[in-house]
């Protein structure tokens, strides 16, 4: 099998095509999940720099992967508690 390319091997052994497709799809999904986790505010990579990231969440920005008709209204009791804590 000397210097055969990946596509030449797949054309010779057609049973490898679904395997390559599934492995490629899984790798792309894992990459997307990792990049998505790094972008979200609920995942902490640096605990010393920002120990409470939930305090700095933008309420107008959706935090879920898919958000439908999100409405955010501040809760008066929580706002009072935040003012008392500061």
Protein backbone atom coordinates (compact mmCIF):
# COMPACT_ATOMS: atom_id res chain seq x y z
CA UNK A 1 0.00 0.00 0.00
CA UNK A 2 3.00 2.34 -0.30
CA UNK A 3 2.05 5.98 -0.86
CA UNK A 4 -1.71 5.77 -1.30
CA UNK A 5 -3.69 8.80 -0.17
CA UNK A 6 -6.62 8.69 2.22
CA UNK A 7 -9.14 9.08 -0.60
CA UNK A 8 -7.50 6.34 -2.66
CA UNK A 9 -7.66 3.96 0.30
CA UNK A 10 -11.34 4.84 0.90
CA UNK A 11 -12.18 4.27 -2.76
CA UNK A 12 -10.44 0.90 -2.63
CA UNK A 13 -12.09 -0.12 0.69
CA UNK A 14 -15.54 1.44 0.59
CA UNK A 15 -16.50 0.04 4.01
CA UNK A 16 -14.25 2.68 5.61
CA UNK A 17 -16.34 5.62 4.32
CA UNK A 18 -19.01 5.51 7.10
CA UNK A 19 -16.30 5.08 9.75
CA UNK A 20 -14.39 8.12 8.51
CA UNK A 21 -17.62 10.12 8.31
CA UNK A 22 -18.63 9.27 11.91
CA UNK A 23 -15.16 9.98 13.31
CA UNK A 24 -15.04 13.33 11.47
CA UNK A 25 -18.52 14.25 12.73
CA UNK A 26 -17.60 13.30 16.32
CA UNK A 27 -14.39 15.32 16.18
CA UNK A 28 -16.20 18.38 14.84
CA UNK A 29 -18.87 18.03 17.56
CA UNK A 30 -16.26 17.74 20.31
CA UNK A 31 -14.44 20.81 18.98
CA UNK A 32 -17.69 22.80 18.85
CA UNK A 33 -18.63 21.75 22.40
CA UNK A 34 -15.22 22.76 23.75
CA UNK A 35 -15.27 26.15 22.03
CA UNK A 36 -18.85 26.75 23.17
CA UNK A 37 -17.96 25.88 26.78
CA UNK A 38 -15.03 28.30 26.72
CA UNK A 39 -17.29 31.11 25.51
CA UNK A 40 -20.05 30.67 28.13
CA UNK A 41 -19.95 32.37 31.51
CA UNK A 42 -20.99 29.35 33.58
CA UNK A 43 -17.68 27.55 32.95
CA UNK A 44 -14.76 28.73 35.10
CA UNK A 45 -11.22 28.15 33.86
CA UNK A 46 -9.51 30.79 36.03
CA UNK A 47 -10.89 30.74 39.57
CA UNK A 48 -8.41 33.29 40.94
CA UNK A 49 -9.11 35.98 38.33
CA UNK A 50 -12.91 35.79 38.46
CA UNK A 51 -14.18 33.64 41.37
CA UNK A 52 -17.85 34.64 40.93
CA UNK A 53 -18.54 35.00 37.19
CA UNK A 54 -22.32 34.86 37.67
CA UNK A 55 -22.18 38.39 39.12
CA UNK A 56 -21.08 39.77 35.74
CA UNK A 57 -23.61 38.06 33.45
CA UNK A 58 -25.28 40.30 30.90
CA UNK A 59 -29.03 39.67 31.33
CA UNK A 60 -29.82 40.71 27.77
CA UNK A 61 -27.50 38.06 26.30
CA UNK A 62 -28.96 34.53 26.14
CA UNK A 63 -26.94 31.99 28.14
CA UNK A 64 -28.43 28.83 26.64
CA UNK A 65 -27.51 27.06 23.43
CA UNK A 66 -31.00 27.80 22.10
CA UNK A 67 -33.24 30.44 23.65
CA UNK A 68 -36.80 31.10 22.49
CA UNK A 69 -38.72 34.19 23.69
CA UNK A 70 -36.52 34.99 26.67
CA UNK A 71 -37.72 37.86 28.82
CA UNK A 72 -35.62 39.09 31.71
CA UNK A 73 -37.05 41.17 34.51
CA UNK A 74 -35.06 42.11 37.60
CA UNK A 75 -36.37 40.68 40.87
CA UNK A 76 -36.79 43.47 43.38
CA UNK A 77 -35.86 41.38 46.41
CA UNK A 78 -32.62 40.24 44.83
CA UNK A 79 -31.70 43.78 43.83
CA UNK A 80 -32.24 44.91 47.42
CA UNK A 81 -30.04 42.12 48.74
CA UNK A 82 -27.30 43.01 46.23
CA UNK A 83 -27.40 46.65 47.35
CA UNK A 84 -27.19 45.58 50.99
CA UNK A 85 -24.22 43.28 50.34
CA UNK A 86 -22.15 46.00 48.62
